[in-house]
All heavy atoms as atom14 arrays in JSON, in Angstrom:
{
  "sequence": "YYEQRGDDRDSFLACSIDMDRFIDAVIATADHVRAVKRRAKRVN",
  "atom14_mask": [
    [1, 1, 1, 1, 1, 1, 1, 1, 1, 1, 1, 1, 0, 0],
    [1, 1, 1, 1, 1, 1, 1, 1, 1, 1, 1, 1, 0, 0],
    [1, 1, 1, 1, 1, 1, 1, 1, 1, 0, 0, 0, 0, 0],
    [1, 1, 1, 1, 1, 1, 1, 1, 1, 0, 0, 0, 0, 0],
    [1, 1, 1, 1, 1, 1, 1, 1, 1, 1, 1, 0, 0, 0],
    [1, 1, 1, 1, 0, 0, 0, 0, 0, 0, 0, 0, 0, 0],
    [1, 1, 1, 1, 1, 1, 1, 1, 0, 0, 0, 0, 0, 0],
    [1, 1, 1, 1, 1, 1, 1, 1, 0, 0, 0, 0, 0, 0],
    [1, 1, 1, 1, 1, 1, 1, 1, 1, 1, 1, 0, 0, 0],
    [1, 1, 1, 1, 1, 1, 1, 1, 0, 0, 0, 0, 0, 0],
    [1, 1, 1, 1, 1, 1, 0, 0, 0, 0, 0, 0, 0, 0],
    [1, 1, 1, 1, 1, 1, 1, 1, 1, 1, 1, 0, 0, 0],
    [1, 1, 1, 1, 1, 1, 1, 1, 0, 0, 0, 0, 0, 0],
    [1, 1, 1, 1, 1, 0, 0, 0, 0, 0, 0, 0, 0, 0],
    [1, 1, 1, 1, 1, 1, 0, 0, 0, 0, 0, 0, 0, 0],
    [1, 1, 1, 1, 1, 1, 0, 0, 0, 0, 0, 0, 0, 0],
    [1, 1, 1, 1, 1, 1, 1, 1, 0, 0, 0, 0, 0, 0],
    [1, 1, 1, 1, 1, 1, 1, 1, 0, 0, 0, 0, 0, 0],
    [1, 1, 1, 1, 1, 1, 1, 1, 0, 0, 0, 0, 0, 0],
    [1, 1, 1, 1, 1, 1, 1, 1, 0, 0, 0, 0, 0, 0],
    [1, 1, 1, 1, 1, 1, 1, 1, 1, 1, 1, 0, 0, 0],
    [1, 1, 1, 1, 1, 1, 1, 1, 1, 1, 1, 0, 0, 0],
    [1, 1, 1, 1, 1, 1, 1, 1, 0, 0, 0, 0, 0, 0],
    [1, 1, 1, 1, 1, 1, 1, 1, 0, 0, 0, 0, 0, 0],
    [1, 1, 1, 1, 1, 0, 0, 0, 0, 0, 0, 0, 0, 0],
    [1, 1, 1, 1, 1, 1, 1, 0, 0, 0, 0, 0, 0, 0],
    [1, 1, 1, 1, 1, 1, 1, 1, 0, 0, 0, 0, 0, 0],
    [1, 1, 1, 1, 1, 0, 0, 0, 0, 0, 0, 0, 0, 0],
    [1, 1, 1, 1, 1, 1, 1, 0, 0, 0, 0, 0, 0, 0],
    [1, 1, 1, 1, 1, 0, 0, 0, 0, 0, 0, 0, 0, 0],
    [1, 1, 1, 1, 1, 1, 1, 1, 0, 0, 0, 0, 0, 0],
    [1, 1, 1, 1, 1, 1, 1, 1, 1, 1, 0, 0, 0, 0],
    [1, 1, 1, 1, 1, 1, 1, 0, 0, 0, 0, 0, 0, 0],
    [1, 1, 1, 1, 1, 1, 1, 1, 1, 1, 1, 0, 0, 0],
    [1, 1, 1, 1, 1, 0, 0, 0, 0, 0, 0, 0, 0, 0],
    [1, 1, 1, 1, 1, 1, 1, 0, 0, 0, 0, 0, 0, 0],
    [1, 1, 1, 1, 1, 1, 1, 1, 1, 0, 0, 0, 0, 0],
    [1, 1, 1, 1, 1, 1, 1, 1, 1, 1, 1, 0, 0, 0],
    [1, 1, 1, 1, 1, 1, 1, 1, 1, 1, 1, 0, 0, 0],
    [1, 1, 1, 1, 1, 0, 0, 0, 0, 0, 0, 0, 0, 0],
    [1, 1, 1, 1, 1, 1, 1, 1, 1, 0, 0, 0, 0, 0],
    [1, 1, 1, 1, 1, 1, 1, 1, 1, 1, 1, 0, 0, 0],
    [1, 1, 1, 1, 1, 1, 1, 0, 0, 0, 0, 0, 0, 0],
    [1, 1, 1, 1, 1, 1, 1, 1, 0, 0, 0, 0, 0, 0]
  ],
  "atom14_positions": [
    [[-17.38, -79.04, -41.55], [-18.75, -79.35, -41.15], [-18.76, -80.72, -40.49], [-18.02, -81.62, -40.89], [-19.69, -79.36, -42.36], [-19.82, -78.02, -43.05], [-19.11, -77.76, -44.22], [-20.66, -77.03, -42.54], [-19.23, -76.53, -44.86], [-20.79, -75.8, -43.18], [-20.07, -75.56, -44.34], [-20.19, -74.34, -44.97], [0.0, 0.0, 0.0], [0.0, 0.0, 0.0]],
    [[-19.64, -80.87, -39.49], [-19.73, -82.13, -38.77], [-21.19, -82.55, -38.67], [-22.1, -81.71, -38.68], [-19.12, -82.0, -37.38], [-17.64, -81.7, -37.41], [-17.17, -80.39, -37.33], [-16.71, -82.72, -37.55], [-15.81, -80.11, -37.38], [-15.35, -82.45, -37.59], [-14.91, -81.14, -37.51], [-13.56, -80.88, -37.56], [0.0, 0.0, 0.0], [0.0, 0.0, 0.0]],
    [[-21.42, -83.86, -38.57], [-22.76, -84.41, -38.41], [-22.68, -85.7, -37.62], [-21.63, -86.35, -37.56], [-23.4, -84.68, -39.78], [-22.66, -85.72, -40.61], [-23.29, -85.93, -41.98], [-24.53, -86.06, -42.04], [-22.54, -85.97, -42.98], [0.0, 0.0, 0.0], [0.0, 0.0, 0.0], [0.0, 0.0, 0.0], [0.0, 0.0, 0.0], [0.0, 0.0, 0.0]],
    [[-23.8, -86.06, -37.0], [-23.86, -87.35, -36.33], [-24.07, -88.44, -37.37], [-24.94, -88.34, -38.23], [-25.01, -87.38, -35.32], [-25.11, -88.71, -34.58], [-26.17, -88.69, -33.49], [-26.34, -87.71, -32.79], [-26.9, -89.8, -33.37], [0.0, 0.0, 0.0], [0.0, 0.0, 0.0], [0.0, 0.0, 0.0], [0.0, 0.0, 0.0], [0.0, 0.0, 0.0]],
    [[-23.27, -89.47, -37.3], [-23.35, -90.57, -38.25], [-23.99, -91.78, -37.55], [-23.44, -92.31, -36.59], [-21.97, -90.93, -38.79], [-21.34, -89.76, -39.56], [-20.04, -90.13, -40.22], [-19.48, -88.99, -40.94], [-19.82, -88.62, -42.17], [-20.73, -89.33, -42.82], [-19.27, -87.58, -42.75], [0.0, 0.0, 0.0], [0.0, 0.0, 0.0], [0.0, 0.0, 0.0]],
    [[-25.17, -92.15, -38.06], [-25.89, -93.27, -37.46], [-26.26, -92.95, -36.01], [-26.71, -91.85, -35.7], [0.0, 0.0, 0.0], [0.0, 0.0, 0.0], [0.0, 0.0, 0.0], [0.0, 0.0, 0.0], [0.0, 0.0, 0.0], [0.0, 0.0, 0.0], [0.0, 0.0, 0.0], [0.0, 0.0, 0.0], [0.0, 0.0, 0.0], [0.0, 0.0, 0.0]],
    [[-26.02, -93.92, -35.13], [-26.34, -93.72, -33.72], [-25.11, -93.35, -32.89], [-25.14, -93.4, -31.66], [-27.01, -94.97, -33.14], [-26.11, -96.2, -33.21], [-24.98, -96.1, -33.76], [-26.52, -97.27, -32.71], [0.0, 0.0, 0.0], [0.0, 0.0, 0.0], [0.0, 0.0, 0.0], [0.0, 0.0, 0.0], [0.0, 0.0, 0.0], [0.0, 0.0, 0.0]],
    [[-24.02, -92.96, -33.57], [-22.76, -92.68, -32.86], [-22.75, -91.25, -32.34], [-21.99, -90.4, -32.8], [-21.58, -92.92, -33.8], [-20.24, -92.86, -33.06], [-20.25, -92.79, -31.81], [-19.2, -92.85, -33.75], [0.0, 0.0, 0.0], [0.0, 0.0, 0.0], [0.0, 0.0, 0.0], [0.0, 0.0, 0.0], [0.0, 0.0, 0.0], [0.0, 0.0, 0.0]],
    [[-23.59, -90.98, -31.35], [-23.67, -89.65, -30.76], [-22.42, -89.33, -29.94], [-22.01, -88.18, -29.85], [-24.93, -89.53, -29.91], [-25.14, -88.15, -29.31], [-26.57, -87.99, -28.82], [-27.48, -87.85, -29.95], [-28.8, -88.03, -29.87], [-29.36, -88.39, -28.72], [-29.56, -87.87, -30.94], [0.0, 0.0, 0.0], [0.0, 0.0, 0.0], [0.0, 0.0, 0.0]],
    [[-21.81, -90.34, -29.34], [-20.6, -90.11, -28.54], [-19.5, -89.45, -29.39], [-18.85, -88.5, -28.95], [-20.08, -91.43, -27.96], [-20.83, -91.86, -26.72], [-21.47, -91.0, -26.09], [-20.79, -93.06, -26.39], [0.0, 0.0, 0.0], [0.0, 0.0, 0.0], [0.0, 0.0, 0.0], [0.0, 0.0, 0.0], [0.0, 0.0, 0.0], [0.0, 0.0, 0.0]],
    [[-19.28, -89.96, -30.58], [-18.25, -89.38, -31.45], [-18.64, -87.97, -31.9], [-17.81, -87.06, -31.94], [-18.03, -90.27, -32.68], [-17.46, -91.5, -32.33], [0.0, 0.0, 0.0], [0.0, 0.0, 0.0], [0.0, 0.0, 0.0], [0.0, 0.0, 0.0], [0.0, 0.0, 0.0], [0.0, 0.0, 0.0], [0.0, 0.0, 0.0], [0.0, 0.0, 0.0]],
    [[-19.91, -87.79, -32.25], [-20.39, -86.48, -32.69], [-20.17, -85.43, -31.62], [-19.71, -84.31, -31.91], [-21.87, -86.59, -33.05], [-22.51, -85.31, -33.48], [-21.94, -84.52, -34.48], [-23.7, -84.88, -32.91], [-22.54, -83.33, -34.89], [-24.31, -83.72, -33.32], [-23.74, -82.93, -34.31], [0.0, 0.0, 0.0], [0.0, 0.0, 0.0], [0.0, 0.0, 0.0]],
    [[-20.44, -85.77, -30.37], [-20.26, -84.81, -29.28], [-18.8, -84.42, -29.08], [-18.52, -83.38, -28.48], [-20.84, -85.38, -27.98], [-22.36, -85.42, -27.9], [-22.82, -86.3, -26.75], [-22.91, -84.0, -27.73], [0.0, 0.0, 0.0], [0.0, 0.0, 0.0], [0.0, 0.0, 0.0], [0.0, 0.0, 0.0], [0.0, 0.0, 0.0], [0.0, 0.0, 0.0]],
    [[-17.88, -85.22, -29.6], [-16.45, -84.94, -29.44], [-15.81, -84.39, -30.7], [-14.58, -84.27, -30.77], [-15.73, -86.21, -29.0], [0.0, 0.0, 0.0], [0.0, 0.0, 0.0], [0.0, 0.0, 0.0], [0.0, 0.0, 0.0], [0.0, 0.0, 0.0], [0.0, 0.0, 0.0], [0.0, 0.0, 0.0], [0.0, 0.0, 0.0], [0.0, 0.0, 0.0]],
    [[-16.61, -84.01, -31.72], [-16.02, -83.65, -33.01], [-15.16, -82.4, -32.95], [-14.32, -82.18, -33.83], [-17.1, -83.52, -34.07], [-18.24, -82.15, -33.81], [0.0, 0.0, 0.0], [0.0, 0.0, 0.0], [0.0, 0.0, 0.0], [0.0, 0.0, 0.0], [0.0, 0.0, 0.0], [0.0, 0.0, 0.0], [0.0, 0.0, 0.0], [0.0, 0.0, 0.0]],
    [[-15.32, -81.56, -31.93], [-14.45, -80.39, -31.82], [-12.98, -80.78, -31.63], [-12.08, -79.98, -31.91], [-14.9, -79.48, -30.67], [-14.75, -80.15, -29.44], [0.0, 0.0, 0.0], [0.0, 0.0, 0.0], [0.0, 0.0, 0.0], [0.0, 0.0, 0.0], [0.0, 0.0, 0.0], [0.0, 0.0, 0.0], [0.0, 0.0, 0.0], [0.0, 0.0, 0.0]],
    [[-12.73, -82.01, -31.16], [-11.35, -82.48, -31.05], [-10.73, -82.59, -32.45], [-9.57, -82.22, -32.66], [-11.3, -83.82, -30.31], [-11.67, -83.61, -28.84], [-9.92, -84.48, -30.44], [-11.81, -84.88, -28.05], [0.0, 0.0, 0.0], [0.0, 0.0, 0.0], [0.0, 0.0, 0.0], [0.0, 0.0, 0.0], [0.0, 0.0, 0.0], [0.0, 0.0, 0.0]],
    [[-11.51, -83.07, -33.41], [-11.03, -83.09, -34.79], [-10.81, -81.66, -35.3], [-9.84, -81.4, -36.03], [-12.03, -83.82, -35.67], [-11.59, -83.9, -37.13], [-10.7, -84.71, -37.42], [-12.12, -83.12, -37.96], [0.0, 0.0, 0.0], [0.0, 0.0, 0.0], [0.0, 0.0, 0.0], [0.0, 0.0, 0.0], [0.0, 0.0, 0.0], [0.0, 0.0, 0.0]],
    [[-11.69, -80.75, -34.92], [-11.53, -79.35, -35.31], [-10.22, -78.78, -34.75], [-9.49, -78.06, -35.45], [-12.73, -78.55, -34.8], [-12.84, -77.13, -35.31], [-14.34, -76.35, -34.63], [-14.46, -74.88, -35.65], [0.0, 0.0, 0.0], [0.0, 0.0, 0.0], [0.0, 0.0, 0.0], [0.0, 0.0, 0.0], [0.0, 0.0, 0.0], [0.0, 0.0, 0.0]],
    [[-9.93, -79.07, -33.49], [-8.67, -78.63, -32.88], [-7.47, -79.15, -33.67], [-6.51, -78.39, -33.95], [-8.56, -79.14, -31.44], [-9.49, -78.42, -30.48], [-9.76, -77.23, -30.7], [-9.93, -79.05, -29.51], [0.0, 0.0, 0.0], [0.0, 0.0, 0.0], [0.0, 0.0, 0.0], [0.0, 0.0, 0.0], [0.0, 0.0, 0.0], [0.0, 0.0, 0.0]],
    [[-7.5, -80.43, -34.03], [-6.37, -81.02, -34.76], [-6.22, -80.4, -36.15], [-5.1, -80.18, -36.63], [-6.58, -82.53, -34.87], [-6.53, -83.26, -33.53], [-6.97, -84.72, -33.67], [-6.94, -85.42, -32.39], [-7.42, -86.64, -32.19], [-7.96, -87.31, -33.22], [-7.36, -87.2, -31.0], [0.0, 0.0, 0.0], [0.0, 0.0, 0.0], [0.0, 0.0, 0.0]],
    [[-7.34, -80.12, -36.79], [-7.35, -79.47, -38.1], [-6.68, -78.1, -38.01], [-5.8, -77.75, -38.81], [-8.8, -79.37, -38.57], [-9.01, -78.85, -39.97], [-7.99, -78.78, -40.91], [-10.28, -78.44, -40.36], [-8.22, -78.3, -42.2], [-10.53, -77.97, -41.63], [-9.5, -77.89, -42.55], [0.0, 0.0, 0.0], [0.0, 0.0, 0.0], [0.0, 0.0, 0.0]],
    [[-7.08, -77.31, -37.02], [-6.49, -75.98, -36.84], [-4.99, -76.09, -36.6], [-4.19, -75.35, -37.21], [-7.18, -75.24, -35.67], [-8.65, -74.93, -36.02], [-6.44, -73.94, -35.34], [-9.46, -74.42, -34.84], [0.0, 0.0, 0.0], [0.0, 0.0, 0.0], [0.0, 0.0, 0.0], [0.0, 0.0, 0.0], [0.0, 0.0, 0.0], [0.0, 0.0, 0.0]],
    [[-4.6, -76.98, -35.72], [-3.18, -77.12, -35.41], [-2.37, -77.5, -36.65], [-1.24, -77.01, -36.85], [-2.98, -78.19, -34.32], [-3.51, -77.75, -32.96], [-3.68, -76.53, -32.76], [-3.77, -78.62, -32.11], [0.0, 0.0, 0.0], [0.0, 0.0, 0.0], [0.0, 0.0, 0.0], [0.0, 0.0, 0.0], [0.0, 0.0, 0.0], [0.0, 0.0, 0.0]],
    [[-2.94, -78.35, -37.51], [-2.23, -78.77, -38.71], [-2.05, -77.62, -39.69], [-0.97, -77.47, -40.29], [-2.98, -79.93, -39.38], [0.0, 0.0, 0.0], [0.0, 0.0, 0.0], [0.0, 0.0, 0.0], [0.0, 0.0, 0.0], [0.0, 0.0, 0.0], [0.0, 0.0, 0.0], [0.0, 0.0, 0.0], [0.0, 0.0, 0.0], [0.0, 0.0, 0.0]],
    [[-3.08, -76.8, -39.86], [-2.96, -75.67, -40.79], [-1.99, -74.63, -40.25], [-1.19, -74.06, -41.01], [-4.35, -75.06, -41.07], [-4.22, -73.81, -41.93], [-5.25, -76.08, -41.78], [0.0, 0.0, 0.0], [0.0, 0.0, 0.0], [0.0, 0.0, 0.0], [0.0, 0.0, 0.0], [0.0, 0.0, 0.0], [0.0, 0.0, 0.0], [0.0, 0.0, 0.0]],
    [[-2.02, -74.38, -38.97], [-1.06, -73.44, -38.37], [0.37, -73.95, -38.59], [1.26, -73.19, -38.98], [-1.34, -73.25, -36.86], [-2.63, -72.46, -36.65], [-0.17, -72.54, -36.18], [-3.08, -72.4, -35.21], [0.0, 0.0, 0.0], [0.0, 0.0, 0.0], [0.0, 0.0, 0.0], [0.0, 0.0, 0.0], [0.0, 0.0, 0.0], [0.0, 0.0, 0.0]],
    [[0.58, -75.25, -38.38], [1.92, -75.81, -38.56], [2.39, -75.66, -40.0], [3.56, -75.34, -40.26], [1.92, -77.29, -38.15], [0.0, 0.0, 0.0], [0.0, 0.0, 0.0], [0.0, 0.0, 0.0], [0.0, 0.0, 0.0], [0.0, 0.0, 0.0], [0.0, 0.0, 0.0], [0.0, 0.0, 0.0], [0.0, 0.0, 0.0], [0.0, 0.0, 0.0]],
    [[1.47, -75.87, -40.96], [1.84, -75.74, -42.36], [2.17, -74.3, -42.71], [3.17, -74.02, -43.4], [0.7, -76.25, -43.26], [0.39, -77.6, -42.9], [1.09, -76.21, -44.72], [0.0, 0.0, 0.0], [0.0, 0.0, 0.0], [0.0, 0.0, 0.0], [0.0, 0.0, 0.0], [0.0, 0.0, 0.0], [0.0, 0.0, 0.0], [0.0, 0.0, 0.0]],
    [[1.34, -73.36, -42.25], [1.61, -71.94, -42.51], [2.94, -71.51, -41.9], [3.71, -70.76, -42.54], [0.47, -71.09, -41.94], [0.0, 0.0, 0.0], [0.0, 0.0, 0.0], [0.0, 0.0, 0.0], [0.0, 0.0, 0.0], [0.0, 0.0, 0.0], [0.0, 0.0, 0.0], [0.0, 0.0, 0.0], [0.0, 0.0, 0.0], [0.0, 0.0, 0.0]],
    [[3.23, -72.0, -40.71], [4.49, -71.62, -40.07], [5.69, -72.29, -40.74], [6.81, -71.75, -40.73], [4.45, -71.96, -38.58], [3.54, -71.01, -37.8], [3.12, -69.98, -38.37], [3.24, -71.3, -36.63], [0.0, 0.0, 0.0], [0.0, 0.0, 0.0], [0.0, 0.0, 0.0], [0.0, 0.0, 0.0], [0.0, 0.0, 0.0], [0.0, 0.0, 0.0]],
    [[5.49, -73.46, -41.32], [6.55, -74.09, -42.11], [6.91, -73.22, -43.32], [8.1, -72.99, -43.59], [6.11, -75.47, -42.57], [6.97, -76.04, -43.66], [8.23, -76.55, -43.44], [6.75, -76.18, -45.0], [8.75, -76.96, -44.58], [7.88, -76.75, -45.54], [0.0, 0.0, 0.0], [0.0, 0.0, 0.0], [0.0, 0.0, 0.0], [0.0, 0.0, 0.0]],
    [[5.88, -72.73, -44.02], [6.14, -71.85, -45.18], [6.84, -70.58, -44.71], [7.76, -70.09, -45.37], [4.84, -71.54, -45.92], [5.1, -70.56, -47.08], [4.2, -72.81, -46.45], [0.0, 0.0, 0.0], [0.0, 0.0, 0.0], [0.0, 0.0, 0.0], [0.0, 0.0, 0.0], [0.0, 0.0, 0.0], [0.0, 0.0, 0.0], [0.0, 0.0, 0.0]],
    [[6.42, -70.06, -43.58], [7.07, -68.87, -43.02], [8.55, -69.12, -42.77], [9.41, -68.28, -43.08], [6.38, -68.48, -41.71], [7.03, -67.35, -40.94], [6.21, -67.03, -39.7], [6.82, -65.96, -38.92], [7.46, -66.12, -37.77], [7.59, -67.35, -37.26], [7.97, -65.1, -37.12], [0.0, 0.0, 0.0], [0.0, 0.0, 0.0], [0.0, 0.0, 0.0]],
    [[8.87, -70.3, -42.22], [10.27, -70.63, -41.93], [11.08, -70.78, -43.21], [12.21, -70.27, -43.3], [10.33, -71.91, -41.1], [0.0, 0.0, 0.0], [0.0, 0.0, 0.0], [0.0, 0.0, 0.0], [0.0, 0.0, 0.0], [0.0, 0.0, 0.0], [0.0, 0.0, 0.0], [0.0, 0.0, 0.0], [0.0, 0.0, 0.0], [0.0, 0.0, 0.0]],
    [[10.49, -71.47, -44.19], [11.19, -71.67, -45.46], [11.48, -70.34, -46.14], [12.57, -70.11, -46.68], [10.37, -72.59, -46.38], [10.94, -72.61, -47.79], [10.32, -74.01, -45.81], [0.0, 0.0, 0.0], [0.0, 0.0, 0.0], [0.0, 0.0, 0.0], [0.0, 0.0, 0.0], [0.0, 0.0, 0.0], [0.0, 0.0, 0.0], [0.0, 0.0, 0.0]],
    [[10.51, -69.43, -46.07], [10.67, -68.14, -46.72], [11.41, -67.11, -45.85], [11.7, -66.01, -46.31], [9.28, -67.58, -47.1], [8.66, -68.31, -48.27], [7.34, -67.65, -48.68], [6.85, -68.21, -49.99], [7.69, -67.79, -51.15], [0.0, 0.0, 0.0], [0.0, 0.0, 0.0], [0.0, 0.0, 0.0], [0.0, 0.0, 0.0], [0.0, 0.0, 0.0]],
    [[11.64, -67.48, -44.59], [12.35, -66.59, -43.66], [11.63, -65.23, -43.54], [12.23, -64.17, -43.65], [13.81, -66.4, -44.09], [14.62, -67.68, -44.02], [16.02, -67.51, -44.59], [16.84, -68.68, -44.38], [16.81, -69.78, -45.13], [15.97, -69.85, -46.15], [17.59, -70.81, -44.86], [0.0, 0.0, 0.0], [0.0, 0.0, 0.0], [0.0, 0.0, 0.0]],
    [[10.34, -65.3, -43.28], [9.53, -64.1, -43.15], [9.23, -63.82, -41.68], [9.1, -64.75, -40.88], [8.22, -64.24, -43.91], [8.37, -64.41, -45.41], [9.0, -63.17, -46.06], [8.91, -63.25, -47.5], [9.89, -63.67, -48.3], [11.06, -64.05, -47.76], [9.73, -63.71, -49.6], [0.0, 0.0, 0.0], [0.0, 0.0, 0.0], [0.0, 0.0, 0.0]],
    [[9.07, -62.56, -41.35], [8.72, -62.18, -39.98], [7.22, -62.31, -39.73], [6.79, -62.67, -38.64], [9.17, -60.75, -39.7], [0.0, 0.0, 0.0], [0.0, 0.0, 0.0], [0.0, 0.0, 0.0], [0.0, 0.0, 0.0], [0.0, 0.0, 0.0], [0.0, 0.0, 0.0], [0.0, 0.0, 0.0], [0.0, 0.0, 0.0], [0.0, 0.0, 0.0]],
    [[6.42, -62.01, -40.73], [4.97, -62.0, -40.5], [4.42, -63.42, -40.41], [4.98, -64.36, -40.98], [4.26, -61.24, -41.63], [3.95, -62.04, -42.87], [2.94, -61.32, -43.76], [2.49, -62.2, -44.91], [1.5, -61.56, -45.78], [0.0, 0.0, 0.0], [0.0, 0.0, 0.0], [0.0, 0.0, 0.0], [0.0, 0.0, 0.0], [0.0, 0.0, 0.0]],
    [[3.32, -63.54, -39.68], [2.61, -64.8, -39.58], [1.31, -64.7, -40.38], [0.61, -63.7, -40.3], [2.27, -65.14, -38.12], [3.48, -65.42, -37.26], [3.04, -65.86, -35.87], [4.17, -65.99, -34.98], [4.94, -67.06, -34.88], [4.68, -68.12, -35.62], [5.95, -67.09, -34.03], [0.0, 0.0, 0.0], [0.0, 0.0, 0.0], [0.0, 0.0, 0.0]],
    [[1.0, -65.72, -41.13], [-0.31, -65.84, -41.77], [-1.24, -66.51, -40.77], [-0.94, -67.59, -40.26], [-0.22, -66.64, -43.08], [-1.61, -67.01, -43.58], [0.52, -65.83, -44.14], [0.0, 0.0, 0.0], [0.0, 0.0, 0.0], [0.0, 0.0, 0.0], [0.0, 0.0, 0.0], [0.0, 0.0, 0.0], [0.0, 0.0, 0.0], [0.0, 0.0, 0.0]],
    [[-2.36, -65.87, -40.49], [-3.31, -66.39, -39.53], [-4.45, -67.14, -40.22], [-4.43, -67.34, -41.43], [-3.83, -65.25, -38.64], [-2.76, -64.77, -37.67], [-2.04, -65.57, -37.07], [-2.63, -63.46, -37.52], [0.0, 0.0, 0.0], [0.0, 0.0, 0.0], [0.0, 0.0, 0.0], [0.0, 0.0, 0.0], [0.0, 0.0, 0.0], [0.0, 0.0, 0.0]]
  ]
}
């Protein structure tokens, strides 16, 4: 969840960049577990 903090509308308008980074981090973690376990399937 995201919200505008104080008068910092510039940062709020760019919060999807944080969302992108969050997604990329979770994908990387899931794929790390996949590699450790040597599994073919991907967890989405």
